[in-house]
């Protein structure tokens, strides 16, 4: 009989909850995140489209911060990408960036806040 220590047991449990169908998400990508919304007794998927400005942690705790501008107001939302509430993530386009966190986009308005597209 093989004895597992606590950390190995936790890692094995986390592995079972990891999603395998996720695309490679980089900072600066324009993504479309499908989020499951429960309204009354119905469940539907609502899409949130924006630019990934930050990515944190690893494994089961990986989060991405997605920013979009709605009617001149910046809106940011943090998604736990392995969460059951996140239905799908689709990368629409990639951008050339030289930073790990794009928090400077919060200060920019209009055309200044655009990122140069990266062609693969």
PDB file of N, CA and C in Angstrom:
ATOM      1  N   UNK A   1       0.832  -1.177   0.000  1.00  0.00           N
ATOM      2  CA  UNK A   1       0.000   0.000   0.000  1.00  0.00           C
ATOM      3  C   UNK A   1       0.888   1.257   0.000  1.00  0.00           C
ATOM      4  N   UNK A   2       0.575   2.185  -0.900  1.00  0.00           N
ATOM      5  CA  UNK A   2       1.362   3.402  -1.040  1.00  0.00           C
ATOM      6  C   UNK A   2       0.727   4.513  -0.213  1.00  0.00           C
ATOM      7  N   UNK A   3       1.537   5.154   0.599  1.00  0.00           N
ATOM      8  CA  UNK A   3       1.047   6.267   1.411  1.00  0.00           C
ATOM      9  C   UNK A   3       1.277   7.575   0.675  1.00  0.00           C
ATOM     10  N   UNK A   4       0.243   8.379   0.577  1.00  0.00           N
ATOM     11  CA  UNK A   4       0.375   9.694  -0.026  1.00  0.00           C
ATOM     12  C   UNK A   4       0.396  10.742   1.079  1.00  0.00           C
ATOM     13  N   UNK A   5       1.263  11.724   0.922  1.00  0.00           N
ATOM     14  CA  UNK A   5       1.210  12.790   1.903  1.00  0.00           C
ATOM     15  C   UNK A   5       0.053  13.728   1.548  1.00  0.00           C
ATOM     16  N   UNK A   6      -0.237  14.676   2.417  1.00  0.00           N
ATOM     17  CA  UNK A   6      -1.403  15.543   2.232  1.00  0.00           C
ATOM     18  C   UNK A   6      -1.345  16.336   0.939  1.00  0.00           C
ATOM     19  N   UNK A   7      -0.175  16.885   0.615  1.00  0.00           N
ATOM     20  CA  UNK A   7      -0.062  17.714  -0.579  1.00  0.00           C
ATOM     21  C   UNK A   7      -0.303  16.892  -1.848  1.00  0.00           C
ATOM     22  N   UNK A   8       0.196  15.662  -1.891  1.00  0.00           N
ATOM     23  CA  UNK A   8      -0.031  14.815  -3.057  1.00  0.00           C
ATOM     24  C   UNK A   8      -1.506  14.468  -3.194  1.00  0.00           C
ATOM     25  N   UNK A   9      -2.179  14.247  -2.089  1.00  0.00           N
ATOM     26  CA  UNK A   9      -3.610  13.952  -2.124  1.00  0.00           C
ATOM     27  C   UNK A   9      -4.394  15.156  -2.650  1.00  0.00           C
ATOM     28  N   UNK A  10      -4.016  16.359  -2.221  1.00  0.00           N
ATOM     29  CA  UNK A  10      -4.678  17.576  -2.693  1.00  0.00           C
ATOM     30  C   UNK A  10      -4.428  17.764  -4.184  1.00  0.00           C
ATOM     31  N   UNK A  11      -3.189  17.536  -4.630  1.00  0.00           N
ATOM     32  CA  UNK A  11      -2.863  17.664  -6.049  1.00  0.00           C
ATOM     33  C   UNK A  11      -3.656  16.681  -6.905  1.00  0.00           C
ATOM     34  N   UNK A  12      -3.803  15.454  -6.431  1.00  0.00           N
ATOM     35  CA  UNK A  12      -4.576  14.452  -7.166  1.00  0.00           C
ATOM     36  C   UNK A  12      -6.039  14.858  -7.278  1.00  0.00           C
ATOM     37  N   UNK A  13      -6.586  15.424  -6.208  1.00  0.00           N
ATOM     38  CA  UNK A  13      -7.969  15.879  -6.222  1.00  0.00           C
ATOM     39  C   UNK A  13      -8.140  17.059  -7.183  1.00  0.00           C
ATOM     40  N   UNK A  14      -7.195  17.994  -7.157  1.00  0.00           N
ATOM     41  CA  UNK A  14      -7.260  19.155  -8.051  1.00  0.00           C
ATOM     42  C   UNK A  14      -7.185  18.744  -9.515  1.00  0.00           C
ATOM     43  N   UNK A  15      -6.384  17.738  -9.827  1.00  0.00           N
ATOM     44  CA  UNK A  15      -6.228  17.270 -11.207  1.00  0.00           C
ATOM     45  C   UNK A  15      -7.562  16.832 -11.802  1.00  0.00           C
ATOM     46  N   UNK A  16      -8.434  16.267 -10.978  1.00  0.00           N
ATOM     47  CA  UNK A  16      -9.718  15.781 -11.489  1.00  0.00           C
ATOM     48  C   UNK A  16     -10.650  16.926 -11.878  1.00  0.00           C
ATOM     49  N   UNK A  17     -10.415  18.128 -11.334  1.00  0.00           N
ATOM     50  CA  UNK A  17     -11.277  19.266 -11.625  1.00  0.00           C
ATOM     51  C   UNK A  17     -10.726  20.193 -12.706  1.00  0.00           C
ATOM     52  N   UNK A  18      -9.497  19.961 -13.156  1.00  0.00           N
ATOM     53  CA  UNK A  18      -8.907  20.803 -14.193  1.00  0.00           C
ATOM     54  C   UNK A  18      -9.600  20.583 -15.536  1.00  0.00           C
ATOM     55  N   UNK A  19      -9.858  21.674 -16.263  1.00  0.00           N
ATOM     56  CA  UNK A  19     -10.439  21.572 -17.598  1.00  0.00           C
ATOM     57  C   UNK A  19      -9.316  21.317 -18.594  1.00  0.00           C
ATOM     58  N   UNK A  20      -9.569  20.432 -19.545  1.00  0.00           N
ATOM     59  CA  UNK A  20      -8.536  20.088 -20.521  1.00  0.00           C
ATOM     60  C   UNK A  20      -8.774  20.740 -21.881  1.00  0.00           C
ATOM     61  N   UNK A  21      -9.959  21.296 -22.089  1.00  0.00           N
ATOM     62  CA  UNK A  21     -10.314  21.837 -23.403  1.00  0.00           C
ATOM     63  C   UNK A  21     -10.085  23.339 -23.527  1.00  0.00           C
ATOM     64  N   UNK A  22      -9.314  23.928 -22.622  1.00  0.00           N
ATOM     65  CA  UNK A  22      -9.080  25.374 -22.649  1.00  0.00           C
ATOM     66  C   UNK A  22      -8.006  25.742 -23.676  1.00  0.00           C
ATOM     67  N   UNK A  23      -8.186  26.873 -24.374  1.00  0.00           N
ATOM     68  CA  UNK A  23      -7.138  27.333 -25.290  1.00  0.00           C
ATOM     69  C   UNK A  23      -5.986  27.955 -24.509  1.00  0.00           C
ATOM     70  N   UNK A  24      -4.891  28.216 -25.195  1.00  0.00           N
ATOM     71  CA  UNK A  24      -3.768  28.898 -24.566  1.00  0.00           C
ATOM     72  C   UNK A  24      -4.116  30.378 -24.501  1.00  0.00           C
ATOM     73  N   UNK A  25      -4.196  30.915 -23.297  1.00  0.00           N
ATOM     74  CA  UNK A  25      -4.590  32.305 -23.092  1.00  0.00           C
ATOM     75  C   UNK A  25      -3.359  33.102 -22.694  1.00  0.00           C
ATOM     76  N   UNK A  26      -3.095  34.180 -23.440  1.00  0.00           N
ATOM     77  CA  UNK A  26      -1.952  35.039 -23.141  1.00  0.00           C
ATOM     78  C   UNK A  26      -2.449  36.438 -22.794  1.00  0.00           C
ATOM     79  N   UNK A  27      -1.588  37.217 -22.181  1.00  0.00           N
ATOM     80  CA  UNK A  27      -1.907  38.600 -21.876  1.00  0.00           C
ATOM     81  C   UNK A  27      -2.043  39.365 -23.192  1.00  0.00           C
ATOM     82  N   UNK A  28      -3.069  40.193 -23.291  1.00  0.00           N
ATOM     83  CA  UNK A  28      -3.297  40.968 -24.507  1.00  0.00           C
ATOM     84  C   UNK A  28      -4.252  40.305 -25.479  1.00  0.00           C
ATOM     85  N   UNK A  29      -4.643  39.075 -25.218  1.00  0.00           N
ATOM     86  CA  UNK A  29      -5.604  38.390 -26.088  1.00  0.00           C
ATOM     87  C   UNK A  29      -6.995  38.987 -25.925  1.00  0.00           C
ATOM     88  N   UNK A  30      -7.726  39.044 -27.016  1.00  0.00           N
ATOM     89  CA  UNK A  30      -9.137  39.402 -26.969  1.00  0.00           C
ATOM     90  C   UNK A  30      -9.890  38.091 -26.816  1.00  0.00           C
ATOM     91  N   UNK A  31     -10.629  37.929 -25.743  1.00  0.00           N
ATOM     92  CA  UNK A  31     -11.303  36.655 -25.477  1.00  0.00           C
ATOM     93  C   UNK A  31     -12.806  36.849 -25.332  1.00  0.00           C
ATOM     94  N   UNK A  32     -13.517  35.758 -25.552  1.00  0.00           N
ATOM     95  CA  UNK A  32     -14.961  35.717 -25.369  1.00  0.00           C
ATOM     96  C   UNK A  32     -15.218  34.604 -24.357  1.00  0.00           C
ATOM     97  N   UNK A  33     -15.658  34.990 -23.156  1.00  0.00           N
ATOM     98  CA  UNK A  33     -15.859  34.044 -22.066  1.00  0.00           C
ATOM     99  C   UNK A  33     -17.353  33.788 -21.907  1.00  0.00           C
ATOM    100  N   UNK A  34     -17.754  32.537 -21.977  1.00  0.00           N
ATOM    101  CA  UNK A  34     -19.150  32.164 -21.767  1.00  0.00           C
ATOM    102  C   UNK A  34     -19.359  31.817 -20.306  1.00  0.00           C
ATOM    103  N   UNK A  35     -20.240  32.564 -19.628  1.00  0.00           N
ATOM    104  CA  UNK A  35     -20.487  32.371 -18.198  1.00  0.00           C
ATOM    105  C   UNK A  35     -21.906  31.857 -18.008  1.00  0.00           C
ATOM    106  N   UNK A  36     -22.041  30.810 -17.213  1.00  0.00           N
ATOM    107  CA  UNK A  36     -23.370  30.267 -16.930  1.00  0.00           C
ATOM    108  C   UNK A  36     -24.087  31.164 -15.935  1.00  0.00           C
ATOM    109  N   UNK A  37     -25.302  31.586 -16.295  1.00  0.00           N
ATOM    110  CA  UNK A  37     -26.134  32.441 -15.457  1.00  0.00           C
ATOM    111  C   UNK A  37     -27.400  31.670 -15.125  1.00  0.00           C
ATOM    112  N   UNK A  38     -27.785  31.663 -13.849  1.00  0.00           N
ATOM    113  CA  UNK A  38     -29.022  30.995 -13.433  1.00  0.00           C
ATOM    114  C   UNK A  38     -30.058  32.065 -13.112  1.00  0.00           C
ATOM    115  N   UNK A  39     -31.162  32.040 -13.854  1.00  0.00           N
ATOM    116  CA  UNK A  39     -32.254  32.982 -13.632  1.00  0.00           C
ATOM    117  C   UNK A  39     -33.499  32.175 -13.293  1.00  0.00           C
ATOM    118  N   UNK A  40     -33.916  32.237 -12.053  1.00  0.00           N
ATOM    119  CA  UNK A  40     -35.071  31.442 -11.627  1.00  0.00           C
ATOM    120  C   UNK A  40     -34.733  29.968 -11.715  1.00  0.00           C
ATOM    121  N   UNK A  41     -35.475  29.246 -12.561  1.00  0.00           N
ATOM    122  CA  UNK A  41     -35.188  27.815 -12.731  1.00  0.00           C
ATOM    123  C   UNK A  41     -34.528  27.524 -14.078  1.00  0.00           C
ATOM    124  N   UNK A  42     -34.158  28.594 -14.809  1.00  0.00           N
ATOM    125  CA  UNK A  42     -33.510  28.423 -16.113  1.00  0.00           C
ATOM    126  C   UNK A  42     -32.027  28.770 -16.027  1.00  0.00           C
ATOM    127  N   UNK A  43     -31.245  28.096 -16.854  1.00  0.00           N
ATOM    128  CA  UNK A  43     -29.811  28.367 -16.929  1.00  0.00           C
ATOM    129  C   UNK A  43     -29.472  28.747 -18.361  1.00  0.00           C
ATOM    130  N   UNK A  44     -28.692  29.828 -18.515  1.00  0.00           N
ATOM    131  CA  UNK A  44     -28.277  30.244 -19.846  1.00  0.00           C
ATOM    132  C   UNK A  44     -26.815  30.655 -19.810  1.00  0.00           C
ATOM    133  N   UNK A  45     -26.236  30.829 -21.000  1.00  0.00           N
ATOM    134  CA  UNK A  45     -24.833  31.235 -21.103  1.00  0.00           C
ATOM    135  C   UNK A  45     -24.782  32.675 -21.592  1.00  0.00           C
ATOM    136  N   UNK A  46     -24.100  33.529 -20.825  1.00  0.00           N
ATOM    137  CA  UNK A  46     -23.919  34.925 -21.204  1.00  0.00           C
ATOM    138  C   UNK A  46     -22.449  35.131 -21.551  1.00  0.00           C
ATOM    139  N   UNK A  47     -22.192  35.791 -22.672  1.00  0.00           N
ATOM    140  CA  UNK A  47     -20.818  35.980 -23.121  1.00  0.00           C
ATOM    141  C   UNK A  47     -20.283  37.332 -22.675  1.00  0.00           C
ATOM    142  N   UNK A  48     -19.014  37.336 -22.284  1.00  0.00           N
ATOM    143  CA  UNK A  48     -18.313  38.543 -21.843  1.00  0.00           C
ATOM    144  C   UNK A  48     -17.061  38.638 -22.710  1.00  0.00           C
ATOM    145  N   UNK A  49     -16.969  39.698 -23.503  1.00  0.00           N
ATOM    146  CA  UNK A  49     -15.871  39.832 -24.448  1.00  0.00           C
ATOM    147  C   UNK A  49     -14.984  41.010 -24.071  1.00  0.00           C
ATOM    148  N   UNK A  50     -13.682  40.779 -24.031  1.00  0.00           N
ATOM    149  CA  UNK A  50     -12.759  41.852 -23.686  1.00  0.00           C
ATOM    150  C   UNK A  50     -11.310  41.411 -23.809  1.00  0.00           C
ATOM    151  N   UNK A  51     -10.414  42.258 -23.316  1.00  0.00           N
ATOM    152  CA  UNK A  51      -8.977  42.019 -23.394  1.00  0.00           C
ATOM    153  C   UNK A  51      -8.458  41.477 -22.069  1.00  0.00           C
ATOM    154  N   UNK A  52      -7.613  40.457 -22.142  1.00  0.00           N
ATOM    155  CA  UNK A  52      -6.998  39.895 -20.941  1.00  0.00           C
ATOM    156  C   UNK A  52      -5.882  40.839 -20.514  1.00  0.00           C
ATOM    157  N   UNK A  53      -6.037  41.450 -19.314  1.00  0.00           N
ATOM    158  CA  UNK A  53      -5.003  42.384 -18.858  1.00  0.00           C
ATOM    159  C   UNK A  53      -4.129  41.784 -17.759  1.00  0.00           C
ATOM    160  N   UNK A  54      -4.558  40.644 -17.181  1.00  0.00           N
ATOM    161  CA  UNK A  54      -3.745  40.013 -16.138  1.00  0.00           C
ATOM    162  C   UNK A  54      -4.084  38.534 -16.064  1.00  0.00           C
ATOM    163  N   UNK A  55      -3.093  37.764 -15.663  1.00  0.00           N
ATOM    164  CA  UNK A  55      -3.262  36.330 -15.449  1.00  0.00           C
ATOM    165  C   UNK A  55      -2.516  36.001 -14.170  1.00  0.00           C
ATOM    166  N   UNK A  56      -3.177  35.302 -13.241  1.00  0.00           N
ATOM    167  CA  UNK A  56      -2.569  35.020 -11.947  1.00  0.00           C
ATOM    168  C   UNK A  56      -2.664  33.548 -11.593  1.00  0.00           C
ATOM    169  N   UNK A  57      -1.755  33.134 -10.726  1.00  0.00           N
ATOM    170  CA  UNK A  57      -1.724  31.798 -10.140  1.00  0.00           C
ATOM    171  C   UNK A  57      -1.524  30.700 -11.172  1.00  0.00           C
ATOM    172  N   UNK A  58      -1.691  29.456 -10.742  1.00  0.00           N
ATOM    173  CA  UNK A  58      -1.495  28.330 -11.644  1.00  0.00           C
ATOM    174  C   UNK A  58      -2.400  27.193 -11.221  1.00  0.00           C
ATOM    175  N   UNK A  59      -2.410  26.171 -12.021  1.00  0.00           N
ATOM    176  CA  UNK A  59      -3.194  24.973 -11.746  1.00  0.00           C
ATOM    177  C   UNK A  59      -4.672  25.289 -11.608  1.00  0.00           C
ATOM    178  N   UNK A  60      -5.310  24.828 -10.569  1.00  0.00           N
ATOM    179  CA  UNK A  60      -6.753  24.984 -10.380  1.00  0.00           C
ATOM    180  C   UNK A  60      -7.135  26.422 -10.042  1.00  0.00           C
ATOM    181  N   UNK A  61      -6.198  27.215  -9.533  1.00  0.00           N
ATOM    182  CA  UNK A  61      -6.485  28.583  -9.092  1.00  0.00           C
ATOM    183  C   UNK A  61      -6.227  29.650 -10.150  1.00  0.00           C
ATOM    184  N   UNK A  62      -6.023  29.273 -11.400  1.00  0.00           N
ATOM    185  CA  UNK A  62      -5.699  30.240 -12.438  1.00  0.00           C
ATOM    186  C   UNK A  62      -6.858  31.197 -12.676  1.00  0.00           C
ATOM    187  N   UNK A  63      -6.558  32.496 -12.621  1.00  0.00           N
ATOM    188  CA  UNK A  63      -7.577  33.506 -12.895  1.00  0.00           C
ATOM    189  C   UNK A  63      -7.090  34.427 -14.013  1.00  0.00           C
ATOM    190  N   UNK A  64      -8.049  34.957 -14.771  1.00  0.00           N
ATOM    191  CA  UNK A  64      -7.730  35.972 -15.766  1.00  0.00           C
ATOM    192  C   UNK A  64      -8.613  37.182 -15.494  1.00  0.00           C
ATOM    193  N   UNK A  65      -8.049  38.370 -15.694  1.00  0.00           N
ATOM    194  CA  UNK A  65      -8.806  39.608 -15.566  1.00  0.00           C
ATOM    195  C   UNK A  65      -9.093  40.101 -16.970  1.00  0.00           C
ATOM    196  N   UNK A  66     -10.377  40.243 -17.293  1.00  0.00           N
ATOM    197  CA  UNK A  66     -10.800  40.657 -18.621  1.00  0.00           C
ATOM    198  C   UNK A  66     -11.394  42.055 -18.524  1.00  0.00           C
ATOM    199  N   UNK A  67     -10.933  42.946 -19.391  1.00  0.00           N
ATOM    200  CA  UNK A  67     -11.387  44.343 -19.381  1.00  0.00           C
ATOM    201  C   UNK A  67     -12.071  44.671 -20.700  1.00  0.00           C
ATOM    202  N   UNK A  68     -13.206  45.372 -20.595  1.00  0.00           N
ATOM    203  CA  UNK A  68     -13.862  45.902 -21.781  1.00  0.00           C
ATOM    204  C   UNK A  68     -14.376  47.295 -21.457  1.00  0.00           C
ATOM    205  N   UNK A  69     -14.623  48.082 -22.494  1.00  0.00           N
ATOM    206  CA  UNK A  69     -15.126  49.434 -22.304  1.00  0.00           C
ATOM    207  C   UNK A  69     -16.561  49.467 -22.813  1.00  0.00           C
ATOM    208  N   UNK A  70     -17.487  49.823 -21.930  1.00  0.00           N
ATOM    209  CA  UNK A  70     -18.910  49.901 -22.255  1.00  0.00           C
ATOM    210  C   UNK A  70     -19.371  51.340 -22.111  1.00  0.00           C
ATOM    211  N   UNK A  71     -19.779  51.950 -23.204  1.00  0.00           N
ATOM    212  CA  UNK A  71     -20.275  53.321 -23.219  1.00  0.00           C
ATOM    213  C   UNK A  71     -19.323  54.292 -22.506  1.00  0.00           C
ATOM    214  N   UNK A  72     -18.023  54.121 -22.771  1.00  0.00           N
ATOM    215  CA  UNK A  72     -17.021  55.011 -22.212  1.00  0.00           C
ATOM    216  C   UNK A  72     -16.578  54.679 -20.803  1.00  0.00           C
ATOM    217  N   UNK A  73     -17.124  53.623 -20.217  1.00  0.00           N
ATOM    218  CA  UNK A  73     -16.756  53.230 -18.857  1.00  0.00           C
ATOM    219  C   UNK A  73     -16.056  51.881 -18.909  1.00  0.00           C
ATOM    220  N   UNK A  74     -14.875  51.795 -18.302  1.00  0.00           N
ATOM    221  CA  UNK A  74     -14.134  50.545 -18.267  1.00  0.00           C
ATOM    222  C   UNK A  74     -14.721  49.585 -17.245  1.00  0.00           C
ATOM    223  N   UNK A  75     -14.912  48.329 -17.671  1.00  0.00           N
ATOM    224  CA  UNK A  75     -15.458  47.295 -16.796  1.00  0.00           C
ATOM    225  C   UNK A  75     -14.480  46.130 -16.789  1.00  0.00           C
ATOM    226  N   UNK A  76     -14.076  45.710 -15.591  1.00  0.00           N
ATOM    227  CA  UNK A  76     -13.168  44.568 -15.470  1.00  0.00           C
ATOM    228  C   UNK A  76     -13.845  43.460 -14.697  1.00  0.00           C
ATOM    229  N   UNK A  77     -13.551  42.238 -15.088  1.00  0.00           N
ATOM    230  CA  UNK A  77     -14.128  41.088 -14.409  1.00  0.00           C
ATOM    231  C   UNK A  77     -13.059  40.012 -14.287  1.00  0.00           C
ATOM    232  N   UNK A  78     -13.011  39.364 -13.148  1.00  0.00           N
ATOM    233  CA  UNK A  78     -12.022  38.321 -12.902  1.00  0.00           C
ATOM    234  C   UNK A  78     -12.715  36.970 -13.003  1.00  0.00           C
ATOM    235  N   UNK A  79     -12.141  36.073 -13.810  1.00  0.00           N
ATOM    236  CA  UNK A  79     -12.710  34.744 -14.013  1.00  0.00           C
ATOM    237  C   UNK A  79     -11.746  33.679 -13.511  1.00  0.00           C
ATOM    238  N   UNK A  80     -12.269  32.740 -12.753  1.00  0.00           N
ATOM    239  CA  UNK A  80     -11.538  31.543 -12.366  1.00  0.00           C
ATOM    240  C   UNK A  80     -11.749  30.560 -13.516  1.00  0.00           C
ATOM    241  N   UNK A  81     -10.724  30.333 -14.338  1.00  0.00           N
ATOM    242  CA  UNK A  81     -10.957  29.655 -15.614  1.00  0.00           C
ATOM    243  C   UNK A  81     -11.340  28.183 -15.487  1.00  0.00           C
ATOM    244  N   UNK A  82     -11.021  27.549 -14.369  1.00  0.00           N
ATOM    245  CA  UNK A  82     -11.395  26.143 -14.185  1.00  0.00           C
ATOM    246  C   UNK A  82     -12.714  25.991 -13.436  1.00  0.00           C
ATOM    247  N   UNK A  83     -13.410  27.105 -13.195  1.00  0.00           N
ATOM    248  CA  UNK A  83     -14.677  27.086 -12.477  1.00  0.00           C
ATOM    249  C   UNK A  83     -15.776  26.436 -13.317  1.00  0.00           C
ATOM    250  N   UNK A  84     -16.714  25.732 -12.686  1.00  0.00           N
ATOM    251  CA  UNK A  84     -17.846  25.175 -13.437  1.00  0.00           C
ATOM    252  C   UNK A  84     -18.770  26.266 -13.995  1.00  0.00           C
ATOM    253  N   UNK A  85     -18.702  27.476 -13.448  1.00  0.00           N
ATOM    254  CA  UNK A  85     -19.521  28.591 -13.955  1.00  0.00           C
ATOM    255  C   UNK A  85     -19.028  29.083 -15.314  1.00  0.00           C
ATOM    256  N   UNK A  86     -17.741  28.882 -15.610  1.00  0.00           N
ATOM    257  CA  UNK A  86     -17.195  29.290 -16.907  1.00  0.00           C
ATOM    258  C   UNK A  86     -17.453  28.161 -17.888  1.00  0.00           C
ATOM    259  N   UNK A  87     -18.316  28.445 -18.880  1.00  0.00           N
ATOM    260  CA  UNK A  87     -18.724  27.431 -19.843  1.00  0.00           C
ATOM    261  C   UNK A  87     -17.688  27.253 -20.943  1.00  0.00           C
ATOM    262  N   UNK A  88     -17.232  28.380 -21.501  1.00  0.00           N
ATOM    263  CA  UNK A  88     -16.270  28.296 -22.597  1.00  0.00           C
ATOM    264  C   UNK A  88     -15.405  29.549 -22.630  1.00  0.00           C
ATOM    265  N   UNK A  89     -14.212  29.398 -23.194  1.00  0.00           N
ATOM    266  CA  UNK A  89     -13.324  30.537 -23.428  1.00  0.00           C
ATOM    267  C   UNK A  89     -12.827  30.421 -24.855  1.00  0.00           C
ATOM    268  N   UNK A  90     -12.988  31.510 -25.612  1.00  0.00           N
ATOM    269  CA  UNK A  90     -12.597  31.512 -27.010  1.00  0.00           C
ATOM    270  C   UNK A  90     -11.653  32.684 -27.238  1.00  0.00           C
ATOM    271  N   UNK A  91     -10.477  32.427 -27.823  1.00  0.00           N
ATOM    272  CA  UNK A  91      -9.526  33.497 -28.126  1.00  0.00           C
ATOM    273  C   UNK A  91      -9.876  34.039 -29.507  1.00  0.00           C
ATOM    274  N   UNK A  92     -10.250  35.323 -29.568  1.00  0.00           N
ATOM    275  CA  UNK A  92     -10.661  35.934 -30.828  1.00  0.00           C
ATOM    276  C   UNK A  92      -9.471  36.488 -31.599  1.00  0.00           C
ATOM    277  N   UNK A  93      -8.569  37.176 -30.900  1.00  0.00           N
ATOM    278  CA  UNK A  93      -7.358  37.703 -31.537  1.00  0.00           C
ATOM    279  C   UNK A  93      -6.281  37.915 -30.490  1.00  0.00           C
ATOM    280  N   UNK A  94      -5.036  37.920 -30.937  1.00  0.00           N
ATOM    281  CA  UNK A  94      -3.904  38.128 -30.032  1.00  0.00           C
ATOM    282  C   UNK A  94      -3.262  39.473 -30.330  1.00  0.00           C
ATOM    283  N   UNK A  95      -2.613  40.030 -29.328  1.00  0.00           N
ATOM    284  CA  UNK A  95      -1.943  41.313 -29.490  1.00  0.00           C
ATOM    285  C   UNK A  95      -0.492  41.204 -29.059  1.00  0.00           C
ATOM    286  N   UNK A  96       0.334  42.105 -29.628  1.00  0.00           N
ATOM    287  CA  UNK A  96       1.738  42.168 -29.248  1.00  0.00           C
ATOM    288  C   UNK A  96       1.861  43.001 -27.989  1.00  0.00           C
ATOM    289  N   UNK A  97       2.348  42.409 -26.916  1.00  0.00           N
ATOM    290  CA  UNK A  97       2.539  43.150 -25.674  1.00  0.00           C
ATOM    291  C   UNK A  97       3.910  42.824 -25.110  1.00  0.00           C
ATOM    292  N   UNK A  98       4.428  43.734 -24.287  1.00  0.00           N
ATOM    293  CA  UNK A  98       5.746  43.532 -23.690  1.00  0.00           C
ATOM    294  C   UNK A  98       5.674  43.584 -22.176  1.00  0.00           C
ATOM    295  N   UNK A  99       4.494  43.399 -21.642  1.00  0.00           N
ATOM    296  CA  UNK A  99       4.287  43.456 -20.199  1.00  0.00           C
ATOM    297  C   UNK A  99       3.517  42.227 -19.748  1.00  0.00           C
ATOM    298  N   UNK A 100       3.671  41.882 -18.478  1.00  0.00           N
ATOM    299  CA  UNK A 100       2.934  40.762 -17.904  1.00  0.00           C
ATOM    300  C   UNK A 100       1.561  41.203 -17.414  1.00  0.00           C
ATOM    301  N   UNK A 101       1.439  42.480 -17.045  1.00  0.00           N
ATOM    302  CA  UNK A 101       0.168  43.030 -16.588  1.00  0.00           C
ATOM    303  C   UNK A 101      -0.099  44.312 -17.383  1.00  0.00           C
ATOM    304  N   UNK A 102      -1.285  44.460 -17.916  1.00  0.00           N
ATOM    305  CA  UNK A 102      -1.611  45.616 -18.745  1.00  0.00           C
ATOM    306  C   UNK A 102      -2.481  46.617 -17.999  1.00  0.00           C
ATOM    307  N   UNK A 103      -2.138  46.880 -16.740  1.00  0.00           N
ATOM    308  CA  UNK A 103      -2.932  47.793 -15.925  1.00  0.00           C
ATOM    309  C   UNK A 103      -2.887  49.220 -16.457  1.00  0.00           C
ATOM    310  N   UNK A 104      -1.876  49.553 -17.266  1.00  0.00           N
ATOM    311  CA  UNK A 104      -1.778  50.894 -17.810  1.00  0.00           C
ATOM    312  C   UNK A 104      -2.938  51.214 -18.760  1.00  0.00           C
ATOM    313  N   UNK A 105      -3.638  50.203 -19.256  1.00  0.00           N
ATOM    314  CA  UNK A 105      -4.785  50.436 -20.143  1.00  0.00           C
ATOM    315  C   UNK A 105      -5.930  51.133 -19.415  1.00  0.00           C
ATOM    316  N   UNK A 106      -5.938  51.048 -18.099  1.00  0.00           N
ATOM    317  CA  UNK A 106      -6.996  51.695 -17.309  1.00  0.00           C
ATOM    318  C   UNK A 106      -6.954  53.213 -17.476  1.00  0.00           C
ATOM    319  N   UNK A 107      -5.766  53.761 -17.690  1.00  0.00           N
ATOM    320  CA  UNK A 107      -5.604  55.216 -17.774  1.00  0.00           C
ATOM    321  C   UNK A 107      -5.853  55.744 -19.182  1.00  0.00           C
ATOM    322  N   UNK A 108      -5.822  54.868 -20.194  1.00  0.00           N
ATOM    323  CA  UNK A 108      -5.927  55.310 -21.581  1.00  0.00           C
ATOM    324  C   UNK A 108      -7.377  55.316 -22.048  1.00  0.00           C
ATOM    325  N   UNK A 109      -7.674  56.221 -22.993  1.00  0.00           N
ATOM    326  CA  UNK A 109      -9.037  56.326 -23.512  1.00  0.00           C
ATOM    327  C   UNK A 109      -9.018  56.289 -25.028  1.00  0.00           C
ATOM    328  N   UNK A 110     -10.076  55.796 -25.605  1.00  0.00           N
ATOM    329  CA  UNK A 110     -10.258  55.821 -27.059  1.00  0.00           C
ATOM    330  C   UNK A 110      -9.215  55.020 -27.809  1.00  0.00           C
ATOM    331  N   UNK A 111      -8.688  55.627 -28.874  1.00  0.00           N
ATOM    332  CA  UNK A 111      -7.745  54.921 -29.734  1.00  0.00           C
ATOM    333  C   UNK A 111      -6.417  54.636 -29.049  1.00  0.00           C
ATOM    334  N   UNK A 112      -6.089  55.411 -28.035  1.00  0.00           N
ATOM    335  CA  UNK A 112      -4.823  55.206 -27.316  1.00  0.00           C
ATOM    336  C   UNK A 112      -4.813  53.858 -26.596  1.00  0.00           C
ATOM    337  N   UNK A 113      -5.979  53.338 -26.268  1.00  0.00           N
ATOM    338  CA  UNK A 113      -6.078  52.083 -25.537  1.00  0.00           C
ATOM    339  C   UNK A 113      -6.058  50.843 -26.404  1.00  0.00           C
ATOM    340  N   UNK A 114      -5.813  51.029 -27.695  1.00  0.00           N
ATOM    341  CA  UNK A 114      -5.778  49.865 -28.589  1.00  0.00           C
ATOM    342  C   UNK A 114      -4.426  49.178 -28.516  1.00  0.00           C
ATOM    343  N   UNK A 115      -4.415  47.878 -28.791  1.00  0.00           N
ATOM    344  CA  UNK A 115      -3.183  47.109 -28.824  1.00  0.00           C
ATOM    345  C   UNK A 115      -2.923  46.662 -30.250  1.00  0.00           C
ATOM    346  N   UNK A 116      -1.647  46.569 -30.619  1.00  0.00           N
ATOM    347  CA  UNK A 116      -1.279  46.144 -31.969  1.00  0.00           C
ATOM    348  C   UNK A 116      -1.485  44.640 -32.113  1.00  0.00           C
ATOM    349  N   UNK A 117      -2.148  44.228 -33.182  1.00  0.00           N
ATOM    350  CA  UNK A 117      -2.466  42.815 -33.365  1.00  0.00           C
ATOM    351  C   UNK A 117      -1.224  42.017 -33.705  1.00  0.00           C
ATOM    352  N   UNK A 118      -1.124  40.811 -33.140  1.00  0.00           N
ATOM    353  CA  UNK A 118      -0.021  39.895 -33.429  1.00  0.00           C
ATOM    354  C   UNK A 118      -0.532  38.815 -34.363  1.00  0.00           C
ATOM    355  N   UNK A 119       0.131  38.653 -35.489  1.00  0.00           N
ATOM    356  CA  UNK A 119      -0.260  37.612 -36.441  1.00  0.00           C
ATOM    357  C   UNK A 119       0.603  36.398 -36.208  1.00  0.00           C
ATOM    358  N   UNK A 120      -0.046  35.247 -36.113  1.00  0.00           N
ATOM    359  CA  UNK A 120       0.697  34.019 -35.802  1.00  0.00           C
ATOM    360  C   UNK A 120       1.239  33.378 -37.042  1.00  0.00           C
TER     361      UNK A 120
END
